[in-house]
C-alpha atoms as a PDB file:
ATOM      1  CA  MET A   1     -11.236 -53.473   8.835  1.00  0.00           C
ATOM      2  CA  SER A   2      -8.739 -50.814   9.765  1.00  0.00           C
ATOM      3  CA  VAL A   3      -5.396 -50.549   7.953  1.00  0.00           C
ATOM      4  CA  LEU A   4      -2.303 -48.752   9.073  1.00  0.00           C
ATOM      5  CA  CYS A   5       0.534 -48.024   6.602  1.00  0.00           C
ATOM      6  CA  VAL A   6       3.789 -47.032   8.377  1.00  0.00           C
ATOM      7  CA  VAL A   7       6.582 -45.494   6.269  1.00  0.00           C
ATOM      8  CA  PRO A   8       9.903 -43.712   6.840  1.00  0.00           C
ATOM      9  CA  HIS A   9       9.372 -40.774   4.375  1.00  0.00           C
ATOM     10  CA  PRO A  10       6.494 -38.675   2.998  1.00  0.00           C
ATOM     11  CA  ASP A  11       5.309 -39.980  -0.318  1.00  0.00           C
ATOM     12  CA  ASP A  12       6.462 -43.619   0.394  1.00  0.00           C
ATOM     13  CA  GLU A  13       3.037 -44.618   1.256  1.00  0.00           C
ATOM     14  CA  VAL A  14       1.822 -43.511  -2.202  1.00  0.00           C
ATOM     15  CA  LEU A  15       4.711 -44.941  -4.077  1.00  0.00           C
ATOM     16  CA  GLY A  16       4.862 -48.170  -2.200  1.00  0.00           C
ATOM     17  CA  ALA A  17       1.282 -49.005  -1.131  1.00  0.00           C
ATOM     18  CA  GLY A  18      -0.965 -46.499  -2.869  1.00  0.00           C
ATOM     19  CA  ALA A  19      -2.927 -48.953  -4.932  1.00  0.00           C
ATOM     20  CA  THR A  20      -3.351 -51.356  -2.013  1.00  0.00           C
ATOM     21  CA  MET A  21      -4.581 -48.527   0.200  1.00  0.00           C
ATOM     22  CA  ALA A  22      -6.999 -47.322  -2.565  1.00  0.00           C
ATOM     23  CA  ARG A  23      -8.303 -50.808  -2.776  1.00  0.00           C
ATOM     24  CA  HIS A  24      -8.977 -50.946   0.933  1.00  0.00           C
ATOM     25  CA  VAL A  25     -10.828 -47.609   0.786  1.00  0.00           C
ATOM     26  CA  GLU A  26     -13.016 -48.950  -2.069  1.00  0.00           C
ATOM     27  CA  ASP A  27     -13.758 -52.008   0.077  1.00  0.00           C
ATOM     28  CA  GLY A  28     -14.982 -49.610   2.874  1.00  0.00           C
ATOM     29  CA  ASP A  29     -11.946 -50.155   5.113  1.00  0.00           C
ATOM     30  CA  GLU A  30     -10.450 -47.298   7.252  1.00  0.00           C
ATOM     31  CA  VAL A  31      -6.908 -46.493   6.030  1.00  0.00           C
ATOM     32  CA  HIS A  32      -4.456 -44.525   8.150  1.00  0.00           C
ATOM     33  CA  VAL A  33      -0.919 -43.487   7.413  1.00  0.00           C
ATOM     34  CA  CYS A  34       1.898 -42.914   9.934  1.00  0.00           C
ATOM     35  CA  ILE A  35       5.053 -41.223   8.637  1.00  0.00           C
ATOM     36  CA  LEU A  36       8.038 -41.608  10.902  1.00  0.00           C
ATOM     37  CA  PRO A  37      10.957 -39.686   9.468  1.00  0.00           C
ATOM     38  CA  ASP A  38      13.908 -38.835  11.853  1.00  0.00           C
ATOM     39  CA  GLY A  39      14.409 -35.644   9.753  1.00  0.00           C
ATOM     40  CA  VAL A  40      18.190 -36.127   9.741  1.00  0.00           C
ATOM     41  CA  THR A  41      19.441 -39.024   7.718  1.00  0.00           C
ATOM     42  CA  SER A  42      18.103 -37.683   4.415  1.00  0.00           C
ATOM     43  CA  ARG A  43      20.413 -34.571   4.826  1.00  0.00           C
ATOM     44  CA  TYR A  44      23.685 -36.522   5.371  1.00  0.00           C
ATOM     45  CA  ASP A  45      25.505 -38.825   2.918  1.00  0.00           C
ATOM     46  CA  GLU A  46      27.232 -40.584   5.757  1.00  0.00           C
ATOM     47  CA  ARG A  47      26.486 -41.201   9.423  1.00  0.00           C
ATOM     48  CA  THR A  48      28.906 -38.500  10.680  1.00  0.00           C
ATOM     49  CA  LYS A  49      29.332 -37.541  14.264  1.00  0.00           C
ATOM     50  CA  GLU A  50      27.155 -34.497  13.519  1.00  0.00           C
ATOM     51  CA  ALA A  51      24.417 -36.578  12.100  1.00  0.00           C
ATOM     52  CA  GLU A  52      24.518 -39.033  15.022  1.00  0.00           C
ATOM     53  CA  ALA A  53      24.374 -36.263  17.531  1.00  0.00           C
ATOM     54  CA  GLU A  54      21.276 -34.724  15.686  1.00  0.00           C
ATOM     55  CA  ILE A  55      19.659 -38.126  15.548  1.00  0.00           C
ATOM     56  CA  GLU A  56      20.231 -38.677  19.248  1.00  0.00           C
ATOM     57  CA  GLN A  57      18.903 -35.193  20.059  1.00  0.00           C
ATOM     58  CA  ARG A  58      15.643 -36.001  18.337  1.00  0.00           C
ATOM     59  CA  ARG A  59      15.044 -39.290  20.105  1.00  0.00           C
ATOM     60  CA  TYR A  60      13.781 -37.449  23.166  1.00  0.00           C
END
């Protein structure tokens, strides 16, 4: 079996699914992690115009 864990921030895979992924590895499964942060929202308290512009810029 192949398992994919998709998370929005680094370390979320460990905190949220670490034990489950470890169990899959023990069972001989392939485990892959995909981290998809936008690199912006963690730096702003609110979705300001500046934050929205930076998010939009990173979409492409």
